[in-house]
Amino acid sequence: MSEARELGSADIQKVLELLPHRYPFLMIDRIIEIDRDESCIGIKNVTANEPQFTGHFPDLPVFPGVLLIEGMAQTAGAICCRHIMGNGSKTKQVFFMTIDKCKFRKPVVPGDQVRFHMKKMNQRRTMWWFRGEARVDGTLVAEAEISAMLVTE
């Protein structure tokens, strides 16, 4: 029999506790609908004043695809850290290990809200594998499979 869903969330203060990333490289503003370490949705509010738009591109600002993937990785990393901390361990670092099956579908621009839908595919000891989708207004804009390794104390 499967465990019941335990939905939770993490506001920006909790995200800052879980991840070592800081502005301007923190790619998630909030995490909603956390279901244990199985799945979650991270949110990124894309704004015109972000530093990447000064060069990507000045006359046509497009959120870089690599930062969409980083947002997926940070969302997944946060729920990994949340799970580990819930078990009494302290996470020293989360390392982004692999990216596979990455596809970019549509551009993301200032004013968009990106939702990173992450679902755990597998876990072995400190290695975690996730499937992620980035969506804007329900439309798929990017997808990938990623893995991460946690280093704990």
C-alpha atoms as a PDB file:
ATOM      1  CA  MET A   1       0.000   0.000   0.000  1.00  0.00           C
ATOM      2  CA  SER A   2       1.479   3.397  -0.932  1.00  0.00           C
ATOM      3  CA  GLU A   3       1.973   6.194   1.574  1.00  0.00           C
ATOM      4  CA  ALA A   4      -0.563   9.001   1.682  1.00  0.00           C
ATOM      5  CA  ARG A   5       0.441  12.276   0.066  1.00  0.00           C
ATOM      6  CA  GLU A   6       1.875  14.822   2.482  1.00  0.00           C
ATOM      7  CA  LEU A   7       1.569  18.164   0.740  1.00  0.00           C
ATOM      8  CA  GLY A   8       3.786  20.966   1.944  1.00  0.00           C
ATOM      9  CA  SER A   9       5.358  24.145   0.676  1.00  0.00           C
ATOM     10  CA  ALA A  10       8.451  26.303   1.140  1.00  0.00           C
ATOM     11  CA  ASP A  11       8.416  30.090   1.037  1.00  0.00           C
ATOM     12  CA  ILE A  12      11.527  32.055   0.055  1.00  0.00           C
ATOM     13  CA  GLN A  13      12.922  31.952   3.621  1.00  0.00           C
ATOM     14  CA  LYS A  14      12.697  28.156   3.699  1.00  0.00           C
ATOM     15  CA  VAL A  15      14.187  27.902   0.182  1.00  0.00           C
ATOM     16  CA  LEU A  16      17.162  29.978   1.400  1.00  0.00           C
ATOM     17  CA  GLU A  17      17.591  27.551   4.323  1.00  0.00           C
ATOM     18  CA  LEU A  18      17.513  24.534   2.012  1.00  0.00           C
ATOM     19  CA  LEU A  19      19.771  25.758  -0.809  1.00  0.00           C
ATOM     20  CA  PRO A  20      23.204  27.427  -0.858  1.00  0.00           C
ATOM     21  CA  HIS A  21      22.240  29.553  -3.891  1.00  0.00           C
ATOM     22  CA  ARG A  22      21.729  33.298  -3.557  1.00  0.00           C
ATOM     23  CA  TYR A  23      20.640  36.110  -5.849  1.00  0.00           C
ATOM     24  CA  PRO A  24      21.297  36.518  -8.706  1.00  0.00           C
ATOM     25  CA  PHE A  25      21.689  32.747  -9.149  1.00  0.00           C
ATOM     26  CA  LEU A  26      18.726  31.595  -7.064  1.00  0.00           C
ATOM     27  CA  MET A  27      16.205  30.518  -9.716  1.00  0.00           C
ATOM     28  CA  ILE A  28      13.189  29.700  -7.527  1.00  0.00           C
ATOM     29  CA  ASP A  29      11.032  32.044  -5.466  1.00  0.00           C
ATOM     30  CA  ARG A  30       8.821  29.454  -3.787  1.00  0.00           C
ATOM     31  CA  ILE A  31       8.083  25.732  -3.784  1.00  0.00           C
ATOM     32  CA  ILE A  32       4.468  24.566  -3.690  1.00  0.00           C
ATOM     33  CA  GLU A  33       2.777  21.182  -3.514  1.00  0.00           C
ATOM     34  CA  ILE A  34       5.720  19.264  -2.050  1.00  0.00           C
ATOM     35  CA  ASP A  35       4.755  15.595  -1.803  1.00  0.00           C
ATOM     36  CA  ARG A  36       7.422  14.125   0.490  1.00  0.00           C
ATOM     37  CA  ASP A  37      10.532  13.622  -1.691  1.00  0.00           C
ATOM     38  CA  GLU A  38       8.442  12.301  -4.601  1.00  0.00           C
ATOM     39  CA  SER A  39       7.406  15.474  -6.414  1.00  0.00           C
ATOM     40  CA  CYS A  40       7.022  19.221  -6.131  1.00  0.00           C
ATOM     41  CA  ILE A  41       6.448  22.415  -8.058  1.00  0.00           C
ATOM     42  CA  GLY A  42       8.883  25.342  -7.839  1.00  0.00           C
ATOM     43  CA  ILE A  43       7.958  28.837  -8.986  1.00  0.00           C
ATOM     44  CA  LYS A  44      10.135  31.448 -10.689  1.00  0.00           C
ATOM     45  CA  ASN A  45       8.693  34.903 -11.369  1.00  0.00           C
ATOM     46  CA  VAL A  46      10.637  36.241 -14.346  1.00  0.00           C
ATOM     47  CA  THR A  47      11.162  40.013 -14.126  1.00  0.00           C
ATOM     48  CA  ALA A  48      12.675  42.479 -16.580  1.00  0.00           C
ATOM     49  CA  ASN A  49      15.207  43.787 -14.046  1.00  0.00           C
ATOM     50  CA  GLU A  50      17.138  40.486 -13.798  1.00  0.00           C
ATOM     51  CA  PRO A  51      20.816  40.803 -14.761  1.00  0.00           C
ATOM     52  CA  GLN A  52      20.779  38.178 -17.539  1.00  0.00           C
ATOM     53  CA  PHE A  53      18.506  40.367 -19.656  1.00  0.00           C
ATOM     54  CA  THR A  54      21.181  43.049 -20.118  1.00  0.00           C
ATOM     55  CA  GLY A  55      22.958  40.687 -22.502  1.00  0.00           C
ATOM     56  CA  HIS A  56      20.350  38.035 -23.407  1.00  0.00           C
ATOM     57  CA  PHE A  57      19.091  39.952 -25.382  1.00  0.00           C
ATOM     58  CA  PRO A  58      18.913  43.758 -24.902  1.00  0.00           C
ATOM     59  CA  ASP A  59      16.229  44.357 -27.555  1.00  0.00           C
ATOM     60  CA  LEU A  60      14.390  41.049 -27.116  1.00  0.00           C
ATOM     61  CA  PRO A  61      14.776  39.708 -23.561  1.00  0.00           C
ATOM     62  CA  VAL A  62      14.617  35.896 -23.460  1.00  0.00           C
ATOM     63  CA  PHE A  63      15.210  33.933 -20.261  1.00  0.00           C
ATOM     64  CA  PRO A  64      18.222  31.653 -20.939  1.00  0.00           C
ATOM     65  CA  GLY A  65      17.329  27.978 -21.357  1.00  0.00           C
ATOM     66  CA  VAL A  66      20.241  26.894 -19.195  1.00  0.00           C
ATOM     67  CA  LEU A  67      18.706  28.891 -16.319  1.00  0.00           C
ATOM     68  CA  LEU A  68      15.409  27.038 -16.804  1.00  0.00           C
ATOM     69  CA  ILE A  69      17.336  23.790 -16.295  1.00  0.00           C
ATOM     70  CA  GLU A  70      19.084  25.298 -13.267  1.00  0.00           C
ATOM     71  CA  GLY A  71      15.641  26.166 -11.850  1.00  0.00           C
ATOM     72  CA  MET A  72      14.611  22.530 -12.268  1.00  0.00           C
ATOM     73  CA  ALA A  73      17.790  21.386 -10.531  1.00  0.00           C
ATOM     74  CA  GLN A  74      17.319  23.828  -7.650  1.00  0.00           C
ATOM     75  CA  THR A  75      13.695  22.775  -7.171  1.00  0.00           C
ATOM     76  CA  ALA A  76      14.684  19.104  -7.080  1.00  0.00           C
ATOM     77  CA  GLY A  77      17.682  19.854  -4.860  1.00  0.00           C
ATOM     78  CA  ALA A  78      15.523  21.686  -2.349  1.00  0.00           C
ATOM     79  CA  ILE A  79      13.179  18.744  -1.833  1.00  0.00           C
ATOM     80  CA  CYS A  80      16.170  16.385  -1.542  1.00  0.00           C
ATOM     81  CA  CYS A  81      17.645  18.623   1.164  1.00  0.00           C
ATOM     82  CA  ARG A  82      14.256  18.929   2.866  1.00  0.00           C
ATOM     83  CA  HIS A  83      13.978  15.143   2.969  1.00  0.00           C
ATOM     84  CA  ILE A  84      17.535  14.671   4.295  1.00  0.00           C
ATOM     85  CA  MET A  85      17.094  17.377   6.947  1.00  0.00           C
ATOM     86  CA  GLY A  86      13.837  15.724   8.020  1.00  0.00           C
ATOM     87  CA  ASN A  87      15.856  12.582   8.701  1.00  0.00           C
ATOM     88  CA  GLY A  88      18.236  14.465  11.013  1.00  0.00           C
ATOM     89  CA  SER A  89      21.185  14.820   8.620  1.00  0.00           C
ATOM     90  CA  LYS A  90      22.674  18.093   7.483  1.00  0.00           C
ATOM     91  CA  THR A  91      23.368  18.619   3.826  1.00  0.00           C
ATOM     92  CA  LYS A  92      26.705  20.218   3.039  1.00  0.00           C
ATOM     93  CA  GLN A  93      26.296  20.470  -0.723  1.00  0.00           C
ATOM     94  CA  VAL A  94      24.026  19.437  -3.562  1.00  0.00           C
ATOM     95  CA  PHE A  95      25.878  18.729  -6.796  1.00  0.00           C
ATOM     96  CA  PHE A  96      24.118  18.770 -10.178  1.00  0.00           C
ATOM     97  CA  MET A  97      25.412  15.581 -11.836  1.00  0.00           C
ATOM     98  CA  THR A  98      23.718  14.921 -15.183  1.00  0.00           C
ATOM     99  CA  ILE A  99      21.210  16.293 -17.627  1.00  0.00           C
ATOM    100  CA  ASP A 100      19.529  14.108 -20.248  1.00  0.00           C
ATOM    101  CA  LYS A 101      16.670  14.383 -22.728  1.00  0.00           C
ATOM    102  CA  CYS A 102      16.678  18.176 -22.521  1.00  0.00           C
ATOM    103  CA  LYS A 103      14.366  20.054 -24.870  1.00  0.00           C
ATOM    104  CA  PHE A 104      13.397  23.704 -25.098  1.00  0.00           C
ATOM    105  CA  ARG A 105       9.908  24.264 -26.515  1.00  0.00           C
ATOM    106  CA  LYS A 106       9.056  27.975 -26.223  1.00  0.00           C
ATOM    107  CA  PRO A 107      10.829  31.151 -25.097  1.00  0.00           C
ATOM    108  CA  VAL A 108      10.289  32.527 -21.594  1.00  0.00           C
ATOM    109  CA  VAL A 109      10.150  36.323 -21.289  1.00  0.00           C
ATOM    110  CA  PRO A 110       9.824  38.911 -18.515  1.00  0.00           C
ATOM    111  CA  GLY A 111       6.370  38.826 -16.973  1.00  0.00           C
ATOM    112  CA  ASP A 112       6.115  35.034 -17.205  1.00  0.00           C
ATOM    113  CA  GLN A 113       5.757  32.808 -14.162  1.00  0.00           C
ATOM    114  CA  VAL A 114       7.600  29.527 -14.669  1.00  0.00           C
ATOM    115  CA  ARG A 115       6.485  26.472 -12.749  1.00  0.00           C
ATOM    116  CA  PHE A 116       9.068  23.712 -12.424  1.00  0.00           C
ATOM    117  CA  HIS A 117       7.227  20.385 -12.084  1.00  0.00           C
ATOM    118  CA  MET A 118       9.706  17.848 -10.688  1.00  0.00           C
ATOM    119  CA  LYS A 119       9.038  14.145 -10.160  1.00  0.00           C
ATOM    120  CA  LYS A 120      11.492  11.716  -8.584  1.00  0.00           C
ATOM    121  CA  MET A 121      12.333   8.812 -10.879  1.00  0.00           C
ATOM    122  CA  ASN A 122      14.810   7.005  -8.626  1.00  0.00           C
ATOM    123  CA  GLN A 123      17.059   7.339  -5.593  1.00  0.00           C
ATOM    124  CA  ARG A 124      20.052   5.332  -4.429  1.00  0.00           C
ATOM    125  CA  ARG A 125      21.816   6.478  -1.272  1.00  0.00           C
ATOM    126  CA  THR A 126      22.915  10.060  -2.008  1.00  0.00           C
ATOM    127  CA  MET A 127      22.093   9.995  -5.758  1.00  0.00           C
ATOM    128  CA  TRP A 128      18.694  11.283  -6.941  1.00  0.00           C
ATOM    129  CA  TRP A 129      17.148  11.240 -10.443  1.00  0.00           C
ATOM    130  CA  PHE A 130      14.278  13.515 -11.474  1.00  0.00           C
ATOM    131  CA  ARG A 131      12.136  14.227 -14.511  1.00  0.00           C
ATOM    132  CA  GLY A 132      11.297  17.891 -14.857  1.00  0.00           C
ATOM    133  CA  GLU A 133       9.014  20.091 -16.891  1.00  0.00           C
ATOM    134  CA  ALA A 134       9.028  23.887 -16.968  1.00  0.00           C
ATOM    135  CA  ARG A 135       5.600  25.341 -17.720  1.00  0.00           C
ATOM    136  CA  VAL A 136       4.271  28.870 -18.271  1.00  0.00           C
ATOM    137  CA  ASP A 137       0.490  29.211 -17.988  1.00  0.00           C
ATOM    138  CA  GLY A 138       0.255  25.423 -18.330  1.00  0.00           C
ATOM    139  CA  THR A 139       2.262  25.356 -21.586  1.00  0.00           C
ATOM    140  CA  LEU A 140       5.406  23.221 -21.688  1.00  0.00           C
ATOM    141  CA  VAL A 141       8.446  25.445 -22.319  1.00  0.00           C
ATOM    142  CA  ALA A 142      11.290  23.049 -21.390  1.00  0.00           C
ATOM    143  CA  GLU A 143      11.851  19.516 -20.127  1.00  0.00           C
ATOM    144  CA  ALA A 144      14.762  17.392 -18.938  1.00  0.00           C
ATOM    145  CA  GLU A 145      15.876  14.498 -16.796  1.00  0.00           C
ATOM    146  CA  ILE A 146      18.458  15.474 -14.199  1.00  0.00           C
ATOM    147  CA  SER A 147      20.412  13.862 -11.406  1.00  0.00           C
ATOM    148  CA  ALA A 148      22.053  15.231  -8.287  1.00  0.00           C
ATOM    149  CA  MET A 149      24.266  13.981  -5.494  1.00  0.00           C
ATOM    150  CA  LEU A 150      24.004  15.156  -1.895  1.00  0.00           C
ATOM    151  CA  VAL A 151      27.021  15.356   0.366  1.00  0.00           C
ATOM    152  CA  THR A 152      25.964  15.121   4.019  1.00  0.00           C
ATOM    153  CA  GLU A 153      27.744  15.469   7.354  1.00  0.00           C
END
